[in-house]
Amino acid sequence: MNSYNFLYNLRDKIPVSIKVLFPKFLRRKINKKFFPYYFLSTDLKSLPNLNYDENEISNLEYQKKLLREFNDTEKLNSFMTCPHLTQLLSIKFNCNDNFSFLDIGGESIDFYLDLKKKFKNVEYFIFNKDPVNKIFDVLKQEFNLIDITIINNIEEIFNKKFDFVNFGSCIQYINNYENILNEITNNNNCIFFSGTTLYNSKKDVLQKNLVVKQVNTSTRSNYLFFFNKRYFYEIFIKKNFELTFEEKNLTDNINYNNFGKYLKKIQYTDFLFTKK
């Protein structure tokens, strides 16, 4: 579907032993000039089962480092696709309120610490892949983090009501996202997404979503969904939710020009749905 695929595939076939012969600044210049895109379109209808191996998403020593740094500085040191999330929470909750926060795809311990700093009575739940959950379990035991609850089975989420559900920037990496959203909207009232690519299109094959290949990472390529905004939002509107927050995500300046011929108003977006 995309004429750039051949060029990026050719780049991926260059052995690492050859790539490292070029200085980093030169590699950055080459990538910026000849490989300006983060995502390439595909003809896939679903995500292949190869996204993010275990070594890429779990590192105990890194999490301990984040924890030590937060204890020293009381500041976030990990990257967040929505750095103003706690400010958004402050609109709904006071600093002394008791509320539950479900972090689906959460993977940074210092976000939990920052959340507890601002909302001392928050009850934090995290759901992720097993390697990440195991890391958080070790941290919980070793550092006595009593307000963390680790969820290993998604059915536990569907059977419980949370005051705030944070999908962060993860829904686009989940194949059965429609089933999950249909379930989670039954019991929960505030559901937030960040760093999610939405678009408009009248093409029949793009009425729901588009599977793209992510090619800007230094490791192997991953796959994810772009979502047709009208269709994705309709999932919530049918369940009596309303859009209460939406803005362009500014943590990255993504070049979408290679999609311009068939996707309209494409945007890296943060948004919150609240039940009426």
C-alpha atoms as a PDB file:
ATOM      1  CA  MET A   1       0.000   0.000   0.000  1.00  0.00           C
ATOM      2  CA  ASN A   2       2.943   2.339   0.729  1.00  0.00           C
ATOM      3  CA  SER A   3       5.837   3.022  -1.675  1.00  0.00           C
ATOM      4  CA  TYR A   4       8.165   3.711   1.254  1.00  0.00           C
ATOM      5  CA  ASN A   5       8.034   0.128   2.511  1.00  0.00           C
ATOM      6  CA  PHE A   6      10.744  -1.092   0.159  1.00  0.00           C
ATOM      7  CA  LEU A   7      13.194   1.576   1.313  1.00  0.00           C
ATOM      8  CA  TYR A   8      12.588   0.886   5.003  1.00  0.00           C
ATOM      9  CA  ASN A   9      12.813  -2.867   4.486  1.00  0.00           C
ATOM     10  CA  LEU A  10      16.141  -2.359   2.749  1.00  0.00           C
ATOM     11  CA  ARG A  11      17.399  -0.323   5.702  1.00  0.00           C
ATOM     12  CA  ASP A  12      16.339  -3.058   8.131  1.00  0.00           C
ATOM     13  CA  LYS A  13      18.408  -5.622   6.234  1.00  0.00           C
ATOM     14  CA  ILE A  14      21.650  -3.702   6.757  1.00  0.00           C
ATOM     15  CA  PRO A  15      23.681  -5.641   9.362  1.00  0.00           C
ATOM     16  CA  VAL A  16      24.263  -3.896  12.680  1.00  0.00           C
ATOM     17  CA  SER A  17      28.004  -4.435  12.198  1.00  0.00           C
ATOM     18  CA  ILE A  18      27.795  -2.159   9.138  1.00  0.00           C
ATOM     19  CA  LYS A  19      25.529   0.442  10.759  1.00  0.00           C
ATOM     20  CA  VAL A  20      27.865   1.028  13.708  1.00  0.00           C
ATOM     21  CA  LEU A  21      30.683   1.977  11.345  1.00  0.00           C
ATOM     22  CA  PHE A  22      28.903   5.296  10.816  1.00  0.00           C
ATOM     23  CA  PRO A  23      29.022   7.932  13.611  1.00  0.00           C
ATOM     24  CA  LYS A  24      25.737   8.442  15.480  1.00  0.00           C
ATOM     25  CA  PHE A  25      25.313  12.025  14.269  1.00  0.00           C
ATOM     26  CA  LEU A  26      25.627  10.840  10.664  1.00  0.00           C
ATOM     27  CA  ARG A  27      23.113   8.039  11.196  1.00  0.00           C
ATOM     28  CA  ARG A  28      20.666  10.540  12.690  1.00  0.00           C
ATOM     29  CA  LYS A  29      21.092  12.837   9.688  1.00  0.00           C
ATOM     30  CA  ILE A  30      20.537   9.972   7.257  1.00  0.00           C
ATOM     31  CA  ASN A  31      17.422   8.808   9.108  1.00  0.00           C
ATOM     32  CA  LYS A  32      16.007  12.320   9.312  1.00  0.00           C
ATOM     33  CA  LYS A  33      16.502  12.932   5.589  1.00  0.00           C
ATOM     34  CA  PHE A  34      15.676   9.554   4.059  1.00  0.00           C
ATOM     35  CA  PHE A  35      13.558   7.862   6.770  1.00  0.00           C
ATOM     36  CA  PRO A  36      11.346  10.610   8.238  1.00  0.00           C
ATOM     37  CA  TYR A  37       8.329   8.447   9.068  1.00  0.00           C
ATOM     38  CA  TYR A  38       7.419   6.582  12.254  1.00  0.00           C
ATOM     39  CA  PHE A  39       4.758   4.375  10.684  1.00  0.00           C
ATOM     40  CA  LEU A  40       4.173   2.562   7.407  1.00  0.00           C
ATOM     41  CA  SER A  41       0.827   1.224   6.203  1.00  0.00           C
ATOM     42  CA  THR A  42       0.278  -2.512   5.772  1.00  0.00           C
ATOM     43  CA  ASP A  43      -2.351  -4.795   4.285  1.00  0.00           C
ATOM     44  CA  LEU A  44      -2.775  -6.675   7.557  1.00  0.00           C
ATOM     45  CA  LYS A  45      -6.231  -6.967   9.128  1.00  0.00           C
ATOM     46  CA  SER A  46      -4.988  -7.816  12.633  1.00  0.00           C
ATOM     47  CA  LEU A  47      -1.790  -7.472  14.631  1.00  0.00           C
ATOM     48  CA  PRO A  48       0.796 -10.246  14.273  1.00  0.00           C
ATOM     49  CA  ASN A  49       1.799 -12.055  17.463  1.00  0.00           C
ATOM     50  CA  LEU A  50       5.287 -10.604  17.700  1.00  0.00           C
ATOM     51  CA  ASN A  51       4.921  -7.219  19.380  1.00  0.00           C
ATOM     52  CA  TYR A  52       7.383  -6.412  22.162  1.00  0.00           C
ATOM     53  CA  ASP A  53       9.421  -9.332  23.422  1.00  0.00           C
ATOM     54  CA  GLU A  54       9.820  -9.786  27.175  1.00  0.00           C
ATOM     55  CA  ASN A  55      13.304  -8.248  27.344  1.00  0.00           C
ATOM     56  CA  GLU A  56      12.036  -4.984  25.883  1.00  0.00           C
ATOM     57  CA  ILE A  57       9.239  -4.370  28.376  1.00  0.00           C
ATOM     58  CA  SER A  58      10.674  -5.534  31.693  1.00  0.00           C
ATOM     59  CA  ASN A  59      13.847  -4.560  33.514  1.00  0.00           C
ATOM     60  CA  LEU A  60      14.001  -4.770  37.295  1.00  0.00           C
ATOM     61  CA  GLU A  61      17.193  -2.748  37.667  1.00  0.00           C
ATOM     62  CA  TYR A  62      15.794   0.074  35.544  1.00  0.00           C
ATOM     63  CA  GLN A  63      12.654   0.210  37.715  1.00  0.00           C
ATOM     64  CA  LYS A  64      14.777   0.302  40.864  1.00  0.00           C
ATOM     65  CA  LYS A  65      16.765   3.139  39.345  1.00  0.00           C
ATOM     66  CA  LEU A  66      13.538   5.083  38.690  1.00  0.00           C
ATOM     67  CA  LEU A  67      12.484   4.485  42.274  1.00  0.00           C
ATOM     68  CA  ARG A  68      15.798   5.698  43.714  1.00  0.00           C
ATOM     69  CA  GLU A  69      15.788   8.770  41.478  1.00  0.00           C
ATOM     70  CA  PHE A  70      12.258   9.665  42.505  1.00  0.00           C
ATOM     71  CA  ASN A  71      13.151   9.331  46.179  1.00  0.00           C
ATOM     72  CA  ASP A  72      16.017  11.771  45.576  1.00  0.00           C
ATOM     73  CA  THR A  73      14.259  14.313  43.351  1.00  0.00           C
ATOM     74  CA  GLU A  74      10.510  13.640  43.807  1.00  0.00           C
ATOM     75  CA  LYS A  75      10.178  14.045  40.049  1.00  0.00           C
ATOM     76  CA  LEU A  76       9.251  11.748  37.183  1.00  0.00           C
ATOM     77  CA  ASN A  77      12.232  10.517  35.194  1.00  0.00           C
ATOM     78  CA  SER A  78      10.460   8.065  32.897  1.00  0.00           C
ATOM     79  CA  PHE A  79       8.777   9.081  29.665  1.00  0.00           C
ATOM     80  CA  MET A  80       5.015   9.613  29.686  1.00  0.00           C
ATOM     81  CA  THR A  81       2.849  10.077  26.604  1.00  0.00           C
ATOM     82  CA  CYS A  82       0.611  12.313  28.740  1.00  0.00           C
ATOM     83  CA  PRO A  83       2.810  14.238  31.215  1.00  0.00           C
ATOM     84  CA  HIS A  84      -0.177  16.312  32.365  1.00  0.00           C
ATOM     85  CA  LEU A  85      -2.285  13.336  33.443  1.00  0.00           C
ATOM     86  CA  THR A  86      -2.068  14.166  37.148  1.00  0.00           C
ATOM     87  CA  GLN A  87      -3.227  17.711  36.378  1.00  0.00           C
ATOM     88  CA  LEU A  88      -6.192  16.241  34.531  1.00  0.00           C
ATOM     89  CA  LEU A  89      -6.959  14.047  37.537  1.00  0.00           C
ATOM     90  CA  SER A  90      -6.870  17.127  39.759  1.00  0.00           C
ATOM     91  CA  ILE A  91      -9.948  18.432  37.961  1.00  0.00           C
ATOM     92  CA  LYS A  92     -11.942  15.414  39.110  1.00  0.00           C
ATOM     93  CA  PHE A  93     -10.294  14.469  42.421  1.00  0.00           C
ATOM     94  CA  ASN A  94      -9.024  16.411  45.418  1.00  0.00           C
ATOM     95  CA  CYS A  95      -5.648  15.558  46.914  1.00  0.00           C
ATOM     96  CA  ASN A  96      -7.275  13.829  49.916  1.00  0.00           C
ATOM     97  CA  ASP A  97      -9.948  11.902  48.009  1.00  0.00           C
ATOM     98  CA  ASN A  98     -10.124   8.127  48.160  1.00  0.00           C
ATOM     99  CA  PHE A  99     -10.301   6.739  44.633  1.00  0.00           C
ATOM    100  CA  SER A 100      -9.143   3.775  42.573  1.00  0.00           C
ATOM    101  CA  PHE A 101      -6.906   4.163  39.525  1.00  0.00           C
ATOM    102  CA  LEU A 102      -6.454   1.350  37.003  1.00  0.00           C
ATOM    103  CA  ASP A 103      -3.295   1.650  34.895  1.00  0.00           C
ATOM    104  CA  ILE A 104      -3.655  -0.670  31.895  1.00  0.00           C
ATOM    105  CA  GLY A 105      -0.259  -1.074  30.270  1.00  0.00           C
ATOM    106  CA  GLY A 106       1.469   0.792  33.110  1.00  0.00           C
ATOM    107  CA  GLU A 107       5.184   0.082  33.229  1.00  0.00           C
ATOM    108  CA  SER A 108       6.978   2.815  35.206  1.00  0.00           C
ATOM    109  CA  ILE A 109       7.170   2.708  38.990  1.00  0.00           C
ATOM    110  CA  ASP A 110       7.861   6.430  39.296  1.00  0.00           C
ATOM    111  CA  PHE A 111       4.461   7.237  37.799  1.00  0.00           C
ATOM    112  CA  TYR A 112       2.876   5.372  40.700  1.00  0.00           C
ATOM    113  CA  LEU A 113       5.121   7.275  43.127  1.00  0.00           C
ATOM    114  CA  ASP A 114       4.217  10.611  41.557  1.00  0.00           C
ATOM    115  CA  LEU A 115       0.530   9.711  41.688  1.00  0.00           C
ATOM    116  CA  LYS A 116       0.820   8.866  45.402  1.00  0.00           C
ATOM    117  CA  LYS A 117       2.652  12.116  46.028  1.00  0.00           C
ATOM    118  CA  LYS A 118      -0.240  14.146  44.618  1.00  0.00           C
ATOM    119  CA  PHE A 119      -3.113  11.891  45.783  1.00  0.00           C
ATOM    120  CA  LYS A 120      -2.107  10.207  49.026  1.00  0.00           C
ATOM    121  CA  ASN A 121      -5.263   8.067  49.273  1.00  0.00           C
ATOM    122  CA  VAL A 122      -5.296   6.723  45.728  1.00  0.00           C
ATOM    123  CA  GLU A 123      -5.533   2.952  45.358  1.00  0.00           C
ATOM    124  CA  TYR A 124      -3.376   1.961  42.380  1.00  0.00           C
ATOM    125  CA  PHE A 125      -4.097  -1.077  40.186  1.00  0.00           C
ATOM    126  CA  ILE A 126      -1.830  -2.173  37.354  1.00  0.00           C
ATOM    127  CA  PHE A 127      -2.479  -4.624  34.527  1.00  0.00           C
ATOM    128  CA  ASN A 128       0.214  -5.571  32.010  1.00  0.00           C
ATOM    129  CA  LYS A 129       1.970  -8.570  30.511  1.00  0.00           C
ATOM    130  CA  ASP A 130       3.340 -11.149  32.926  1.00  0.00           C
ATOM    131  CA  PRO A 131       6.991  -9.957  32.791  1.00  0.00           C
ATOM    132  CA  VAL A 132       5.996  -6.431  33.829  1.00  0.00           C
ATOM    133  CA  ASN A 133       3.600  -7.674  36.502  1.00  0.00           C
ATOM    134  CA  LYS A 134       6.361  -9.820  38.007  1.00  0.00           C
ATOM    135  CA  ILE A 135       8.684  -6.820  38.170  1.00  0.00           C
ATOM    136  CA  PHE A 136       6.037  -4.794  39.994  1.00  0.00           C
ATOM    137  CA  ASP A 137       5.409  -7.663  42.371  1.00  0.00           C
ATOM    138  CA  VAL A 138       9.100  -7.710  43.304  1.00  0.00           C
ATOM    139  CA  LEU A 139       9.091  -3.940  43.812  1.00  0.00           C
ATOM    140  CA  LYS A 140       5.944  -4.112  45.906  1.00  0.00           C
ATOM    141  CA  GLN A 141       7.439  -6.703  48.243  1.00  0.00           C
ATOM    142  CA  GLU A 142      10.935  -5.252  48.437  1.00  0.00           C
ATOM    143  CA  PHE A 143       9.902  -1.639  48.997  1.00  0.00           C
ATOM    144  CA  ASN A 144       6.631  -2.262  50.874  1.00  0.00           C
ATOM    145  CA  LEU A 145       4.425  -0.515  48.321  1.00  0.00           C
ATOM    146  CA  ILE A 146       1.167  -1.394  50.019  1.00  0.00           C
ATOM    147  CA  ASP A 147      -1.188   0.564  47.750  1.00  0.00           C
ATOM    148  CA  ILE A 148      -0.296  -1.330  44.557  1.00  0.00           C
ATOM    149  CA  THR A 149      -2.591  -4.137  43.408  1.00  0.00           C
ATOM    150  CA  ILE A 150      -1.268  -6.196  40.497  1.00  0.00           C
ATOM    151  CA  ILE A 151      -3.912  -7.706  38.228  1.00  0.00           C
ATOM    152  CA  ASN A 152      -2.850 -10.773  36.250  1.00  0.00           C
ATOM    153  CA  ASN A 153      -6.170 -11.803  34.739  1.00  0.00           C
ATOM    154  CA  ILE A 154      -8.166  -9.372  32.625  1.00  0.00           C
ATOM    155  CA  GLU A 155     -11.414 -10.934  33.841  1.00  0.00           C
ATOM    156  CA  GLU A 156     -10.672  -9.339  37.230  1.00  0.00           C
ATOM    157  CA  ILE A 157     -10.878  -5.930  35.539  1.00  0.00           C
ATOM    158  CA  PHE A 158     -14.243  -6.648  33.978  1.00  0.00           C
ATOM    159  CA  ASN A 159     -15.738  -7.633  37.321  1.00  0.00           C
ATOM    160  CA  LYS A 160     -14.613  -4.551  39.238  1.00  0.00           C
ATOM    161  CA  LYS A 161     -15.486  -0.849  39.087  1.00  0.00           C
ATOM    162  CA  PHE A 162     -12.642   1.702  39.068  1.00  0.00           C
ATOM    163  CA  ASP A 163     -12.960   5.447  39.546  1.00  0.00           C
ATOM    164  CA  PHE A 164     -10.508   6.142  36.720  1.00  0.00           C
ATOM    165  CA  VAL A 165      -9.193   3.855  33.971  1.00  0.00           C
ATOM    166  CA  ASN A 166      -6.006   4.840  32.181  1.00  0.00           C
ATOM    167  CA  PHE A 167      -5.207   3.047  28.931  1.00  0.00           C
ATOM    168  CA  GLY A 168      -2.270   5.366  28.320  1.00  0.00           C
ATOM    169  CA  SER A 169      -0.791   4.629  24.929  1.00  0.00           C
ATOM    170  CA  CYS A 170      -1.530   0.902  24.769  1.00  0.00           C
ATOM    171  CA  ILE A 171      -4.984   0.253  23.273  1.00  0.00           C
ATOM    172  CA  GLN A 172      -3.522   0.376  19.748  1.00  0.00           C
ATOM    173  CA  TYR A 173      -1.328  -2.652  20.527  1.00  0.00           C
ATOM    174  CA  ILE A 174      -4.251  -4.895  21.538  1.00  0.00           C
ATOM    175  CA  ASN A 175      -5.888  -7.111  18.907  1.00  0.00           C
ATOM    176  CA  ASN A 176      -9.181  -7.646  20.733  1.00  0.00           C
ATOM    177  CA  TYR A 177      -9.515  -4.011  21.793  1.00  0.00           C
ATOM    178  CA  GLU A 178     -13.211  -3.874  20.853  1.00  0.00           C
ATOM    179  CA  ASN A 179     -14.134  -6.701  23.218  1.00  0.00           C
ATOM    180  CA  ILE A 180     -12.093  -5.145  26.017  1.00  0.00           C
ATOM    181  CA  LEU A 181     -13.703  -1.725  25.561  1.00  0.00           C
ATOM    182  CA  ASN A 182     -17.181  -3.197  25.370  1.00  0.00           C
ATOM    183  CA  GLU A 183     -16.583  -4.973  28.675  1.00  0.00           C
ATOM    184  CA  ILE A 184     -14.822  -2.185  30.524  1.00  0.00           C
ATOM    185  CA  THR A 185     -17.469   0.398  29.635  1.00  0.00           C
ATOM    186  CA  ASN A 186     -20.087  -1.666  31.481  1.00  0.00           C
ATOM    187  CA  ASN A 187     -18.760  -0.889  34.975  1.00  0.00           C
ATOM    188  CA  ASN A 188     -16.537   2.178  34.670  1.00  0.00           C
ATOM    189  CA  ASN A 189     -17.285   5.862  34.199  1.00  0.00           C
ATOM    190  CA  CYS A 190     -13.971   7.591  33.335  1.00  0.00           C
ATOM    191  CA  ILE A 191     -11.736   6.108  30.640  1.00  0.00           C
ATOM    192  CA  PHE A 192      -8.648   7.910  29.346  1.00  0.00           C
ATOM    193  CA  PHE A 193      -6.355   7.368  26.347  1.00  0.00           C
ATOM    194  CA  SER A 194      -3.137   9.130  25.384  1.00  0.00           C
ATOM    195  CA  GLY A 195      -0.813   9.064  22.390  1.00  0.00           C
ATOM    196  CA  THR A 196      -3.431   7.364  20.196  1.00  0.00           C
ATOM    197  CA  THR A 197      -3.568   7.989  16.447  1.00  0.00           C
ATOM    198  CA  LEU A 198      -7.043   8.870  15.143  1.00  0.00           C
ATOM    199  CA  TYR A 199      -8.083   9.669  11.582  1.00  0.00           C
ATOM    200  CA  ASN A 200     -11.089  10.314   9.347  1.00  0.00           C
ATOM    201  CA  SER A 201     -11.773   8.319   6.191  1.00  0.00           C
ATOM    202  CA  LYS A 202     -14.734   7.423   3.993  1.00  0.00           C
ATOM    203  CA  LYS A 203     -13.022   4.381   2.460  1.00  0.00           C
ATOM    204  CA  ASP A 204     -14.848   1.164   3.340  1.00  0.00           C
ATOM    205  CA  VAL A 205     -11.642  -0.708   4.237  1.00  0.00           C
ATOM    206  CA  LEU A 206     -10.682   2.068   6.657  1.00  0.00           C
ATOM    207  CA  GLN A 207     -14.030   2.519   8.406  1.00  0.00           C
ATOM    208  CA  LYS A 208     -12.746   0.807  11.552  1.00  0.00           C
ATOM    209  CA  ASN A 209      -8.952   0.847  11.713  1.00  0.00           C
ATOM    210  CA  LEU A 210      -5.656   0.490   9.884  1.00  0.00           C
ATOM    211  CA  VAL A 211      -2.768  -1.781  10.896  1.00  0.00           C
ATOM    212  CA  VAL A 212       0.566   0.015  10.570  1.00  0.00           C
ATOM    213  CA  LYS A 213       4.181  -0.973  11.072  1.00  0.00           C
ATOM    214  CA  GLN A 214       6.146   1.091  13.580  1.00  0.00           C
ATOM    215  CA  VAL A 215       9.641   1.716  12.195  1.00  0.00           C
ATOM    216  CA  ASN A 216      11.090   4.512  14.351  1.00  0.00           C
ATOM    217  CA  THR A 217      12.278   2.282  17.200  1.00  0.00           C
ATOM    218  CA  SER A 218      15.877   1.210  17.585  1.00  0.00           C
ATOM    219  CA  THR A 219      14.874  -2.407  18.140  1.00  0.00           C
ATOM    220  CA  ARG A 220      12.803  -4.581  15.840  1.00  0.00           C
ATOM    221  CA  SER A 221       9.637  -3.243  14.257  1.00  0.00           C
ATOM    222  CA  ASN A 222       6.245  -3.451  15.981  1.00  0.00           C
ATOM    223  CA  TYR A 223       2.683  -3.263  14.698  1.00  0.00           C
ATOM    224  CA  LEU A 224      -0.284  -1.280  15.949  1.00  0.00           C
ATOM    225  CA  PHE A 225      -3.658   0.168  14.999  1.00  0.00           C
ATOM    226  CA  PHE A 226      -4.590   3.616  13.813  1.00  0.00           C
ATOM    227  CA  PHE A 227      -8.287   4.132  14.597  1.00  0.00           C
ATOM    228  CA  ASN A 228     -11.072   5.700  12.591  1.00  0.00           C
ATOM    229  CA  LYS A 229     -12.154   8.400  15.029  1.00  0.00           C
ATOM    230  CA  ARG A 230     -15.891   8.213  14.313  1.00  0.00           C
ATOM    231  CA  TYR A 231     -16.031   4.435  14.706  1.00  0.00           C
ATOM    232  CA  PHE A 232     -13.810   4.346  17.805  1.00  0.00           C
ATOM    233  CA  TYR A 233     -15.745   7.092  19.579  1.00  0.00           C
ATOM    234  CA  GLU A 234     -19.021   5.377  18.729  1.00  0.00           C
ATOM    235  CA  ILE A 235     -18.036   2.508  21.048  1.00  0.00           C
ATOM    236  CA  PHE A 236     -18.409   4.943  23.953  1.00  0.00           C
ATOM    237  CA  ILE A 237     -21.286   7.014  22.674  1.00  0.00           C
ATOM    238  CA  LYS A 238     -23.430   3.869  22.405  1.00  0.00           C
ATOM    239  CA  LYS A 239     -22.742   3.220  26.090  1.00  0.00           C
ATOM    240  CA  ASN A 240     -23.908   6.707  27.097  1.00  0.00           C
ATOM    241  CA  PHE A 241     -20.442   8.223  27.446  1.00  0.00           C
ATOM    242  CA  GLU A 242     -19.521  11.731  26.375  1.00  0.00           C
ATOM    243  CA  LEU A 243     -16.184  13.141  25.271  1.00  0.00           C
ATOM    244  CA  THR A 244     -15.052  15.458  28.082  1.00  0.00           C
ATOM    245  CA  PHE A 245     -11.452  16.076  27.058  1.00  0.00           C
ATOM    246  CA  GLU A 246      -9.600  15.946  23.763  1.00  0.00           C
ATOM    247  CA  GLU A 247      -6.398  17.578  22.562  1.00  0.00           C
ATOM    248  CA  LYS A 248      -3.431  16.934  20.305  1.00  0.00           C
ATOM    249  CA  ASN A 249      -0.625  15.086  22.057  1.00  0.00           C
ATOM    250  CA  LEU A 250       2.507  17.226  21.882  1.00  0.00           C
ATOM    251  CA  THR A 251       5.095  14.823  23.308  1.00  0.00           C
ATOM    252  CA  ASP A 252       6.190  13.943  19.768  1.00  0.00           C
ATOM    253  CA  ASN A 253       5.982  15.626  16.384  1.00  0.00           C
ATOM    254  CA  ILE A 254       4.969  12.676  14.229  1.00  0.00           C
ATOM    255  CA  ASN A 255       5.227  12.985  10.460  1.00  0.00           C
ATOM    256  CA  TYR A 256       2.029  11.534   8.973  1.00  0.00           C
ATOM    257  CA  ASN A 257       2.570  12.889   5.440  1.00  0.00           C
ATOM    258  CA  ASN A 258       2.880   9.403   3.950  1.00  0.00           C
ATOM    259  CA  PHE A 259      -0.780   8.782   4.913  1.00  0.00           C
ATOM    260  CA  GLY A 260      -2.100  12.068   3.585  1.00  0.00           C
ATOM    261  CA  LYS A 261      -3.648  10.670   0.395  1.00  0.00           C
ATOM    262  CA  TYR A 262      -6.190   8.440   2.136  1.00  0.00           C
ATOM    263  CA  LEU A 263      -6.366   9.443   5.828  1.00  0.00           C
ATOM    264  CA  LYS A 264      -7.803  12.848   6.739  1.00  0.00           C
ATOM    265  CA  LYS A 265      -7.354  14.883   9.928  1.00  0.00           C
ATOM    266  CA  ILE A 266      -4.891  12.344  11.269  1.00  0.00           C
ATOM    267  CA  GLN A 267      -3.677  13.257  14.744  1.00  0.00           C
ATOM    268  CA  TYR A 268      -1.756  11.921  17.730  1.00  0.00           C
ATOM    269  CA  THR A 269      -4.436  12.454  20.374  1.00  0.00           C
ATOM    270  CA  ASP A 270      -5.232  12.408  24.113  1.00  0.00           C
ATOM    271  CA  PHE A 271      -8.894  12.019  25.057  1.00  0.00           C
ATOM    272  CA  LEU A 272     -11.177  11.197  27.987  1.00  0.00           C
ATOM    273  CA  PHE A 273     -14.658   9.694  27.956  1.00  0.00           C
ATOM    274  CA  THR A 274     -16.952  10.109  30.968  1.00  0.00           C
ATOM    275  CA  LYS A 275     -20.311   8.425  31.480  1.00  0.00           C
ATOM    276  CA  LYS A 276     -23.229  10.852  31.519  1.00  0.00           C
END
